[in-house]
Amino acid sequence: MPLNKFGFTRWNFQYDIGSDTTLDPIADHKLLRRIAGRKNLFMNPLLTSGYLKGKRVLDLGSNSGYWSYITLAEGGASFVQGIEASPELVEQANFVFEKKGMIPGSYDFRLDDAYSYLRETEDRFDVVLCLGFFYHINDPLALLQLMRRVCRGFTVIDTIVHKSDEALISVRPVQRKSVIDEANITLELVSSPKAIHWLAEEAGYVATRDLTDDYEKISSMWDYIGAFRSAHVCSVSDKIETIWPTALNPGYMTTSEDLGKYGYFPEMHRKGGRS
């Protein structure tokens, strides 16, 4: 693949670097609208509430560091740890942060597998970001348990989902990626929204909420509009609505409530199983 701007093959996010930009305002306008739509959905409430000020942030699947940059430059976070399995994207993030004059010691981008890092680290974070990463995994429960281990506030998940009203997980074959071996898998497990709620409950989060917005005029948010992608916040102790006032509680039964009502074989009680 030929080199793009600044010596990299491609850019997934917009940065102003010197007198140039990483994305083209005209050619990439749909991508730029999508980035803005996603920022408004899950990131802007963190910024406007002031919650990030002085906080420690973990960015899993950090890509070129865009969300990490936002937490520092706009949110006033004290430190962000990026974990990324692609060597080029780690290099890209460090390039951006150096060019943008970010304070050394306020960030670190590590080439690592998320599971390995989360198992081994002794660090704790006020906010864990899992944005565009939760569907590139093959053990969602383990990842939620590991994120819960290091999280002392909120975990934000933005992900492709299995479109179902039930707690289901879809197994999908994928091509191997240009990442470190530990992160290379050929099967990905894609959870439904209800499955994410139940898995988060099992992992020890006290509450999970869905994030919603008005996407009707943003065609680049087609997957959110069609319920093929969604955003969620899992909380350790704080009330989610204090940061995301429009967060939605879908009203799912807890796992114990569901088991008490329908038993192990819900198919015996109604057509279609659990809902």
C-alpha atoms as a PDB file:
ATOM      1  CA  MET A   1       0.000   0.000   0.000  1.00  0.00           C
ATOM      2  CA  PRO A   2       1.459   3.407  -0.956  1.00  0.00           C
ATOM      3  CA  LEU A   3       2.339   5.884   1.752  1.00  0.00           C
ATOM      4  CA  ASN A   4      -0.262   8.523   2.607  1.00  0.00           C
ATOM      5  CA  LYS A   5       0.306  11.868   4.332  1.00  0.00           C
ATOM      6  CA  PHE A   6       3.205  12.155   6.787  1.00  0.00           C
ATOM      7  CA  GLY A   7       4.633   8.795   5.713  1.00  0.00           C
ATOM      8  CA  PHE A   8       1.775   6.530   6.853  1.00  0.00           C
ATOM      9  CA  THR A   9      -0.380   4.247   4.714  1.00  0.00           C
ATOM     10  CA  ARG A  10      -3.713   5.625   5.971  1.00  0.00           C
ATOM     11  CA  TRP A  11      -5.375   7.824   8.577  1.00  0.00           C
ATOM     12  CA  ASN A  12      -8.606   6.955  10.375  1.00  0.00           C
ATOM     13  CA  PHE A  13      -8.963  10.248  12.277  1.00  0.00           C
ATOM     14  CA  GLN A  14      -8.509  13.956  11.702  1.00  0.00           C
ATOM     15  CA  TYR A  15      -5.544  15.913  13.048  1.00  0.00           C
ATOM     16  CA  ASP A  16      -4.285  19.367  12.138  1.00  0.00           C
ATOM     17  CA  ILE A  17      -0.522  19.085  11.900  1.00  0.00           C
ATOM     18  CA  GLY A  18       1.275  22.253  10.931  1.00  0.00           C
ATOM     19  CA  SER A  19      -0.509  23.734   7.914  1.00  0.00           C
ATOM     20  CA  ASP A  20      -1.830  20.339   6.769  1.00  0.00           C
ATOM     21  CA  THR A  21      -4.490  17.872   7.885  1.00  0.00           C
ATOM     22  CA  THR A  22      -4.515  14.089   7.985  1.00  0.00           C
ATOM     23  CA  LEU A  23      -7.953  13.830   6.333  1.00  0.00           C
ATOM     24  CA  ASP A  24      -9.311  15.736   3.353  1.00  0.00           C
ATOM     25  CA  PRO A  25     -12.316  17.942   4.267  1.00  0.00           C
ATOM     26  CA  ILE A  26     -13.967  17.197   0.921  1.00  0.00           C
ATOM     27  CA  ALA A  27     -12.959  13.639   0.054  1.00  0.00           C
ATOM     28  CA  ASP A  28     -13.335  12.437   3.647  1.00  0.00           C
ATOM     29  CA  HIS A  29     -16.430  14.456   4.624  1.00  0.00           C
ATOM     30  CA  LYS A  30     -18.518  11.351   5.443  1.00  0.00           C
ATOM     31  CA  LEU A  31     -15.795   9.988   7.702  1.00  0.00           C
ATOM     32  CA  LEU A  32     -15.445  13.389   9.374  1.00  0.00           C
ATOM     33  CA  ARG A  33     -19.205  13.521  10.040  1.00  0.00           C
ATOM     34  CA  ARG A  34     -19.029  10.020  11.492  1.00  0.00           C
ATOM     35  CA  ILE A  35     -16.165  10.948  13.809  1.00  0.00           C
ATOM     36  CA  ALA A  36     -18.138  13.991  14.979  1.00  0.00           C
ATOM     37  CA  GLY A  37     -21.267  11.880  15.492  1.00  0.00           C
ATOM     38  CA  ARG A  38     -19.411   9.316  17.584  1.00  0.00           C
ATOM     39  CA  LYS A  39     -17.696  12.052  19.613  1.00  0.00           C
ATOM     40  CA  ASN A  40     -21.065  13.607  20.370  1.00  0.00           C
ATOM     41  CA  LEU A  41     -22.501  10.241  21.392  1.00  0.00           C
ATOM     42  CA  PHE A  42     -20.057   9.030  24.011  1.00  0.00           C
ATOM     43  CA  MET A  43     -17.224  11.530  24.451  1.00  0.00           C
ATOM     44  CA  ASN A  44     -18.780  15.008  24.650  1.00  0.00           C
ATOM     45  CA  PRO A  45     -20.695  14.269  27.888  1.00  0.00           C
ATOM     46  CA  LEU A  46     -17.394  13.312  29.523  1.00  0.00           C
ATOM     47  CA  LEU A  47     -15.894  16.584  28.320  1.00  0.00           C
ATOM     48  CA  THR A  48     -18.722  18.969  29.203  1.00  0.00           C
ATOM     49  CA  SER A  49     -19.290  17.418  32.633  1.00  0.00           C
ATOM     50  CA  GLY A  50     -15.680  18.063  33.644  1.00  0.00           C
ATOM     51  CA  TYR A  51     -15.389  14.469  34.847  1.00  0.00           C
ATOM     52  CA  LEU A  52     -12.127  13.820  33.002  1.00  0.00           C
ATOM     53  CA  LYS A  53     -10.197  16.641  34.651  1.00  0.00           C
ATOM     54  CA  GLY A  54      -7.237  15.178  36.509  1.00  0.00           C
ATOM     55  CA  LYS A  55      -8.357  11.621  35.761  1.00  0.00           C
ATOM     56  CA  ARG A  56      -6.411   8.612  34.507  1.00  0.00           C
ATOM     57  CA  VAL A  57      -7.685   7.061  31.269  1.00  0.00           C
ATOM     58  CA  LEU A  58      -7.057   3.697  29.601  1.00  0.00           C
ATOM     59  CA  ASP A  59      -7.676   3.563  25.835  1.00  0.00           C
ATOM     60  CA  LEU A  60      -7.903  -0.017  24.550  1.00  0.00           C
ATOM     61  CA  GLY A  61      -7.422  -0.412  20.814  1.00  0.00           C
ATOM     62  CA  SER A  62      -6.180   3.180  20.789  1.00  0.00           C
ATOM     63  CA  ASN A  63      -5.552   3.354  17.018  1.00  0.00           C
ATOM     64  CA  SER A  64      -3.715   6.623  16.230  1.00  0.00           C
ATOM     65  CA  GLY A  65      -4.608   8.037  19.651  1.00  0.00           C
ATOM     66  CA  TYR A  66      -7.554  10.246  18.656  1.00  0.00           C
ATOM     67  CA  TRP A  67      -9.748   9.545  21.692  1.00  0.00           C
ATOM     68  CA  SER A  68      -6.680   9.643  23.917  1.00  0.00           C
ATOM     69  CA  TYR A  69      -5.836  13.058  22.513  1.00  0.00           C
ATOM     70  CA  ILE A  70      -9.386  14.303  23.149  1.00  0.00           C
ATOM     71  CA  THR A  71      -9.283  13.219  26.813  1.00  0.00           C
ATOM     72  CA  LEU A  72      -6.056  15.162  27.366  1.00  0.00           C
ATOM     73  CA  ALA A  73      -6.454  18.209  25.138  1.00  0.00           C
ATOM     74  CA  GLU A  74     -10.175  18.826  25.701  1.00  0.00           C
ATOM     75  CA  GLY A  75     -10.971  16.898  28.865  1.00  0.00           C
ATOM     76  CA  GLY A  76      -7.996  17.788  31.038  1.00  0.00           C
ATOM     77  CA  ALA A  77      -7.129  14.191  31.924  1.00  0.00           C
ATOM     78  CA  SER A  78      -3.863  13.814  33.794  1.00  0.00           C
ATOM     79  CA  PHE A  79      -2.671  10.678  32.011  1.00  0.00           C
ATOM     80  CA  VAL A  80      -3.776   8.359  29.231  1.00  0.00           C
ATOM     81  CA  GLN A  81      -2.483   4.860  28.555  1.00  0.00           C
ATOM     82  CA  GLY A  82      -3.031   3.635  25.001  1.00  0.00           C
ATOM     83  CA  ILE A  83      -2.901  -0.073  24.178  1.00  0.00           C
ATOM     84  CA  GLU A  84      -2.710  -1.005  20.496  1.00  0.00           C
ATOM     85  CA  ALA A  85      -1.730  -4.223  18.704  1.00  0.00           C
ATOM     86  CA  SER A  86      -0.759  -2.592  15.390  1.00  0.00           C
ATOM     87  CA  PRO A  87       2.869  -1.379  15.260  1.00  0.00           C
ATOM     88  CA  GLU A  88       2.077   1.276  12.625  1.00  0.00           C
ATOM     89  CA  LEU A  89      -0.761   2.750  14.695  1.00  0.00           C
ATOM     90  CA  VAL A  90       1.437   2.989  17.813  1.00  0.00           C
ATOM     91  CA  GLU A  91       4.041   4.793  15.697  1.00  0.00           C
ATOM     92  CA  GLN A  92       1.305   7.032  14.281  1.00  0.00           C
ATOM     93  CA  ALA A  93      -0.013   7.944  17.741  1.00  0.00           C
ATOM     94  CA  ASN A  94       3.447   8.852  19.019  1.00  0.00           C
ATOM     95  CA  PHE A  95       4.045  10.920  15.874  1.00  0.00           C
ATOM     96  CA  VAL A  96       0.798  12.848  16.382  1.00  0.00           C
ATOM     97  CA  PHE A  97       1.357  13.524  20.080  1.00  0.00           C
ATOM     98  CA  GLU A  98       4.902  14.740  19.469  1.00  0.00           C
ATOM     99  CA  LYS A  99       3.788  17.017  16.631  1.00  0.00           C
ATOM    100  CA  LYS A 100       0.880  18.333  18.734  1.00  0.00           C
ATOM    101  CA  GLY A 101       3.259  19.167  21.584  1.00  0.00           C
ATOM    102  CA  MET A 102       1.609  16.973  24.182  1.00  0.00           C
ATOM    103  CA  ILE A 103       3.363  16.976  27.549  1.00  0.00           C
ATOM    104  CA  PRO A 104       5.809  14.061  27.892  1.00  0.00           C
ATOM    105  CA  GLY A 105       4.714  11.791  30.722  1.00  0.00           C
ATOM    106  CA  SER A 106       1.021  12.566  30.223  1.00  0.00           C
ATOM    107  CA  TYR A 107       0.629   9.707  27.771  1.00  0.00           C
ATOM    108  CA  ASP A 108       2.038   6.345  26.811  1.00  0.00           C
ATOM    109  CA  PHE A 109       1.228   4.192  23.783  1.00  0.00           C
ATOM    110  CA  ARG A 110       2.155   0.580  24.210  1.00  0.00           C
ATOM    111  CA  LEU A 111       2.338  -2.146  21.562  1.00  0.00           C
ATOM    112  CA  ASP A 112       0.548  -4.937  23.380  1.00  0.00           C
ATOM    113  CA  ASP A 113      -2.382  -7.306  23.399  1.00  0.00           C
ATOM    114  CA  ALA A 114      -5.234  -5.905  25.507  1.00  0.00           C
ATOM    115  CA  TYR A 115      -5.803  -9.147  27.405  1.00  0.00           C
ATOM    116  CA  SER A 116      -2.108  -9.509  28.238  1.00  0.00           C
ATOM    117  CA  TYR A 117      -1.817  -5.915  29.392  1.00  0.00           C
ATOM    118  CA  LEU A 118      -4.967  -6.052  31.538  1.00  0.00           C
ATOM    119  CA  ARG A 119      -3.892  -9.289  33.213  1.00  0.00           C
ATOM    120  CA  GLU A 120      -0.442  -7.993  34.109  1.00  0.00           C
ATOM    121  CA  THR A 121      -0.875  -4.313  34.942  1.00  0.00           C
ATOM    122  CA  GLU A 122      -1.156  -3.019  38.486  1.00  0.00           C
ATOM    123  CA  ASP A 123      -2.374   0.382  37.271  1.00  0.00           C
ATOM    124  CA  ARG A 124      -5.932   1.585  37.883  1.00  0.00           C
ATOM    125  CA  PHE A 125      -7.955   4.001  35.759  1.00  0.00           C
ATOM    126  CA  ASP A 126     -10.946   6.265  36.295  1.00  0.00           C
ATOM    127  CA  VAL A 127     -12.184   5.746  32.741  1.00  0.00           C
ATOM    128  CA  VAL A 128     -11.619   2.770  30.447  1.00  0.00           C
ATOM    129  CA  LEU A 129     -12.320   3.390  26.756  1.00  0.00           C
ATOM    130  CA  CYS A 130     -13.138   0.395  24.568  1.00  0.00           C
ATOM    131  CA  LEU A 131     -14.106   2.180  21.362  1.00  0.00           C
ATOM    132  CA  GLY A 132     -14.287   0.193  18.141  1.00  0.00           C
ATOM    133  CA  PHE A 133     -12.507  -2.748  19.762  1.00  0.00           C
ATOM    134  CA  PHE A 134     -15.059  -4.924  21.588  1.00  0.00           C
ATOM    135  CA  TYR A 135     -15.998  -6.809  18.400  1.00  0.00           C
ATOM    136  CA  HIS A 136     -12.370  -7.625  17.548  1.00  0.00           C
ATOM    137  CA  ILE A 137     -12.170 -10.178  20.370  1.00  0.00           C
ATOM    138  CA  ASN A 138     -12.999 -13.824  21.022  1.00  0.00           C
ATOM    139  CA  ASP A 139     -13.727 -13.727  24.765  1.00  0.00           C
ATOM    140  CA  PRO A 140     -16.044 -10.833  25.698  1.00  0.00           C
ATOM    141  CA  LEU A 141     -16.651 -11.969  29.270  1.00  0.00           C
ATOM    142  CA  ALA A 142     -12.928 -12.207  30.014  1.00  0.00           C
ATOM    143  CA  LEU A 143     -12.361  -8.749  28.547  1.00  0.00           C
ATOM    144  CA  LEU A 144     -15.151  -7.232  30.644  1.00  0.00           C
ATOM    145  CA  GLN A 145     -13.808  -8.922  33.776  1.00  0.00           C
ATOM    146  CA  LEU A 146     -10.314  -7.610  33.051  1.00  0.00           C
ATOM    147  CA  MET A 147     -11.563  -4.095  32.308  1.00  0.00           C
ATOM    148  CA  ARG A 148     -13.563  -4.179  35.548  1.00  0.00           C
ATOM    149  CA  ARG A 149     -10.398  -5.181  37.418  1.00  0.00           C
ATOM    150  CA  VAL A 150      -8.590  -1.966  36.453  1.00  0.00           C
ATOM    151  CA  CYS A 151     -11.603   0.392  36.338  1.00  0.00           C
ATOM    152  CA  ARG A 152     -12.612   2.571  39.289  1.00  0.00           C
ATOM    153  CA  GLY A 153     -15.229   4.671  37.489  1.00  0.00           C
ATOM    154  CA  PHE A 154     -16.709   4.121  34.036  1.00  0.00           C
ATOM    155  CA  THR A 155     -16.034   1.796  31.115  1.00  0.00           C
ATOM    156  CA  VAL A 156     -17.274   3.095  27.758  1.00  0.00           C
ATOM    157  CA  ILE A 157     -17.903   0.551  24.992  1.00  0.00           C
ATOM    158  CA  ASP A 158     -18.651   1.451  21.376  1.00  0.00           C
ATOM    159  CA  THR A 159     -19.054  -1.622  19.214  1.00  0.00           C
ATOM    160  CA  ILE A 160     -20.652  -3.492  16.377  1.00  0.00           C
ATOM    161  CA  VAL A 161     -23.399  -5.635  17.914  1.00  0.00           C
ATOM    162  CA  HIS A 162     -25.319  -8.771  17.046  1.00  0.00           C
ATOM    163  CA  LYS A 163     -28.761  -7.410  16.146  1.00  0.00           C
ATOM    164  CA  SER A 164     -31.063  -9.298  18.487  1.00  0.00           C
ATOM    165  CA  ASP A 165     -33.366  -8.532  21.409  1.00  0.00           C
ATOM    166  CA  GLU A 166     -32.005 -11.604  23.160  1.00  0.00           C
ATOM    167  CA  ALA A 167     -28.690 -12.166  24.935  1.00  0.00           C
ATOM    168  CA  LEU A 168     -26.870 -13.751  22.010  1.00  0.00           C
ATOM    169  CA  ILE A 169     -23.324 -13.835  20.676  1.00  0.00           C
ATOM    170  CA  SER A 170     -22.448 -14.272  16.992  1.00  0.00           C
ATOM    171  CA  VAL A 171     -19.235 -16.076  16.031  1.00  0.00           C
ATOM    172  CA  ARG A 172     -17.700 -14.621  12.870  1.00  0.00           C
ATOM    173  CA  PRO A 173     -14.612 -15.630  10.873  1.00  0.00           C
ATOM    174  CA  VAL A 174     -12.178 -12.823  10.032  1.00  0.00           C
ATOM    175  CA  GLN A 175      -8.938 -12.474   8.152  1.00  0.00           C
ATOM    176  CA  ARG A 176      -5.754 -12.200  10.161  1.00  0.00           C
ATOM    177  CA  LYS A 177      -4.620  -8.617  10.706  1.00  0.00           C
ATOM    178  CA  SER A 178      -1.261  -6.863  10.692  1.00  0.00           C
ATOM    179  CA  VAL A 179      -0.920  -6.925  14.451  1.00  0.00           C
ATOM    180  CA  ILE A 180       1.241  -8.647  17.032  1.00  0.00           C
ATOM    181  CA  ASP A 181       0.741 -12.413  17.205  1.00  0.00           C
ATOM    182  CA  GLU A 182      -0.986 -12.396  20.597  1.00  0.00           C
ATOM    183  CA  ALA A 183      -3.811 -10.278  19.142  1.00  0.00           C
ATOM    184  CA  ASN A 184      -4.237 -12.234  15.912  1.00  0.00           C
ATOM    185  CA  ILE A 185      -7.433 -14.285  15.870  1.00  0.00           C
ATOM    186  CA  THR A 186      -9.480 -15.868  13.101  1.00  0.00           C
ATOM    187  CA  LEU A 187     -12.807 -15.873  14.950  1.00  0.00           C
ATOM    188  CA  GLU A 188     -14.457 -12.821  16.511  1.00  0.00           C
ATOM    189  CA  LEU A 189     -17.387 -12.939  18.948  1.00  0.00           C
ATOM    190  CA  VAL A 190     -19.954 -10.168  18.442  1.00  0.00           C
ATOM    191  CA  SER A 191     -22.371  -9.660  21.343  1.00  0.00           C
ATOM    192  CA  SER A 192     -25.941  -8.374  21.275  1.00  0.00           C
ATOM    193  CA  PRO A 193     -26.731  -5.333  23.465  1.00  0.00           C
ATOM    194  CA  LYS A 194     -28.512  -7.509  26.024  1.00  0.00           C
ATOM    195  CA  ALA A 195     -25.558  -9.882  26.115  1.00  0.00           C
ATOM    196  CA  ILE A 196     -23.271  -6.924  26.863  1.00  0.00           C
ATOM    197  CA  HIS A 197     -25.519  -5.943  29.787  1.00  0.00           C
ATOM    198  CA  TRP A 198     -25.536  -9.467  31.211  1.00  0.00           C
ATOM    199  CA  LEU A 199     -21.806  -9.999  30.677  1.00  0.00           C
ATOM    200  CA  ALA A 200     -21.063  -6.676  32.386  1.00  0.00           C
ATOM    201  CA  GLU A 201     -23.250  -7.733  35.321  1.00  0.00           C
ATOM    202  CA  GLU A 202     -21.355 -11.018  35.537  1.00  0.00           C
ATOM    203  CA  ALA A 203     -18.050  -9.114  35.400  1.00  0.00           C
ATOM    204  CA  GLY A 204     -18.998  -7.057  38.466  1.00  0.00           C
ATOM    205  CA  TYR A 205     -20.226  -3.743  37.089  1.00  0.00           C
ATOM    206  CA  VAL A 206     -23.132  -2.350  39.109  1.00  0.00           C
ATOM    207  CA  ALA A 207     -24.981  -0.780  36.171  1.00  0.00           C
ATOM    208  CA  THR A 208     -24.913  -0.609  32.366  1.00  0.00           C
ATOM    209  CA  ARG A 209     -26.720   1.913  30.206  1.00  0.00           C
ATOM    210  CA  ASP A 210     -27.204   2.429  26.461  1.00  0.00           C
ATOM    211  CA  LEU A 211     -26.191   5.707  24.833  1.00  0.00           C
ATOM    212  CA  THR A 212     -28.480   7.138  22.177  1.00  0.00           C
ATOM    213  CA  ASP A 213     -28.578  10.180  19.910  1.00  0.00           C
ATOM    214  CA  ASP A 214     -30.500  11.545  16.924  1.00  0.00           C
ATOM    215  CA  TYR A 215     -28.750  10.209  13.819  1.00  0.00           C
ATOM    216  CA  GLU A 216     -31.532  10.801  11.307  1.00  0.00           C
ATOM    217  CA  LYS A 217     -29.578  13.391   9.321  1.00  0.00           C
ATOM    218  CA  ILE A 218     -26.182  11.717   9.598  1.00  0.00           C
ATOM    219  CA  SER A 219     -26.061   9.022   6.930  1.00  0.00           C
ATOM    220  CA  SER A 220     -22.533   8.053   7.927  1.00  0.00           C
ATOM    221  CA  MET A 221     -24.014   6.740  11.208  1.00  0.00           C
ATOM    222  CA  TRP A 222     -26.038   4.138   9.276  1.00  0.00           C
ATOM    223  CA  ASP A 223     -24.954   1.231  11.476  1.00  0.00           C
ATOM    224  CA  TYR A 224     -26.095   3.010  14.660  1.00  0.00           C
ATOM    225  CA  ILE A 225     -29.391   3.926  12.988  1.00  0.00           C
ATOM    226  CA  GLY A 226     -29.906   0.312  11.915  1.00  0.00           C
ATOM    227  CA  ALA A 227     -28.991  -1.063  15.370  1.00  0.00           C
ATOM    228  CA  PHE A 228     -25.922  -2.872  14.031  1.00  0.00           C
ATOM    229  CA  ARG A 229     -23.673  -0.798  16.300  1.00  0.00           C
ATOM    230  CA  SER A 230     -24.230   0.734  19.716  1.00  0.00           C
ATOM    231  CA  ALA A 231     -22.525   2.478  22.623  1.00  0.00           C
ATOM    232  CA  HIS A 232     -22.758   1.515  26.298  1.00  0.00           C
ATOM    233  CA  VAL A 233     -21.431   2.748  29.636  1.00  0.00           C
ATOM    234  CA  CYS A 234     -20.700   0.336  32.482  1.00  0.00           C
ATOM    235  CA  SER A 235     -20.285   1.784  35.962  1.00  0.00           C
ATOM    236  CA  VAL A 236     -18.333   0.569  38.963  1.00  0.00           C
ATOM    237  CA  SER A 237     -20.149   2.773  41.476  1.00  0.00           C
ATOM    238  CA  ASP A 238     -21.027   6.202  40.069  1.00  0.00           C
ATOM    239  CA  LYS A 239     -24.422   6.983  38.565  1.00  0.00           C
ATOM    240  CA  ILE A 240     -24.076   6.984  34.788  1.00  0.00           C
ATOM    241  CA  GLU A 241     -26.796   9.617  34.305  1.00  0.00           C
ATOM    242  CA  THR A 242     -24.702  12.224  36.129  1.00  0.00           C
ATOM    243  CA  ILE A 243     -22.351  12.233  33.122  1.00  0.00           C
ATOM    244  CA  TRP A 244     -24.635  11.007  30.311  1.00  0.00           C
ATOM    245  CA  PRO A 245     -28.082  12.521  31.174  1.00  0.00           C
ATOM    246  CA  THR A 246     -29.789  10.855  28.195  1.00  0.00           C
ATOM    247  CA  ALA A 247     -28.399   7.380  28.921  1.00  0.00           C
ATOM    248  CA  LEU A 248     -31.091   4.754  28.481  1.00  0.00           C
ATOM    249  CA  ASN A 249     -31.904   1.910  30.841  1.00  0.00           C
ATOM    250  CA  PRO A 250     -33.425  -0.753  28.552  1.00  0.00           C
ATOM    251  CA  GLY A 251     -35.011  -2.452  31.543  1.00  0.00           C
ATOM    252  CA  TYR A 252     -33.526  -5.910  31.088  1.00  0.00           C
ATOM    253  CA  MET A 253     -34.075  -8.369  33.898  1.00  0.00           C
ATOM    254  CA  THR A 254     -30.977  -9.268  35.834  1.00  0.00           C
ATOM    255  CA  THR A 255     -29.641 -12.747  35.191  1.00  0.00           C
ATOM    256  CA  SER A 256     -31.036 -13.992  38.511  1.00  0.00           C
ATOM    257  CA  GLU A 257     -34.449 -12.433  37.805  1.00  0.00           C
ATOM    258  CA  ASP A 258     -34.572 -14.028  34.368  1.00  0.00           C
ATOM    259  CA  LEU A 259     -33.534 -17.416  35.707  1.00  0.00           C
ATOM    260  CA  GLY A 260     -36.118 -17.188  38.491  1.00  0.00           C
ATOM    261  CA  LYS A 261     -38.895 -16.408  36.025  1.00  0.00           C
ATOM    262  CA  TYR A 262     -38.049 -18.666  33.097  1.00  0.00           C
ATOM    263  CA  GLY A 263     -35.634 -21.257  34.446  1.00  0.00           C
ATOM    264  CA  TYR A 264     -32.841 -22.794  32.464  1.00  0.00           C
ATOM    265  CA  PHE A 265     -35.023 -23.580  29.425  1.00  0.00           C
ATOM    266  CA  PRO A 266     -37.009 -20.416  28.596  1.00  0.00           C
ATOM    267  CA  GLU A 267     -38.029 -22.052  25.303  1.00  0.00           C
ATOM    268  CA  MET A 268     -40.465 -24.176  27.312  1.00  0.00           C
ATOM    269  CA  HIS A 269     -42.338 -21.066  28.464  1.00  0.00           C
ATOM    270  CA  ARG A 270     -42.692 -19.000  25.310  1.00  0.00           C
ATOM    271  CA  LYS A 271     -41.797 -18.997  21.659  1.00  0.00           C
ATOM    272  CA  GLY A 272     -38.480 -17.403  20.830  1.00  0.00           C
ATOM    273  CA  GLY A 273     -36.774 -17.891  24.176  1.00  0.00           C
ATOM    274  CA  ARG A 274     -35.590 -15.066  26.369  1.00  0.00           C
ATOM    275  CA  SER A 275     -36.462 -11.524  25.363  1.00  0.00           C
END
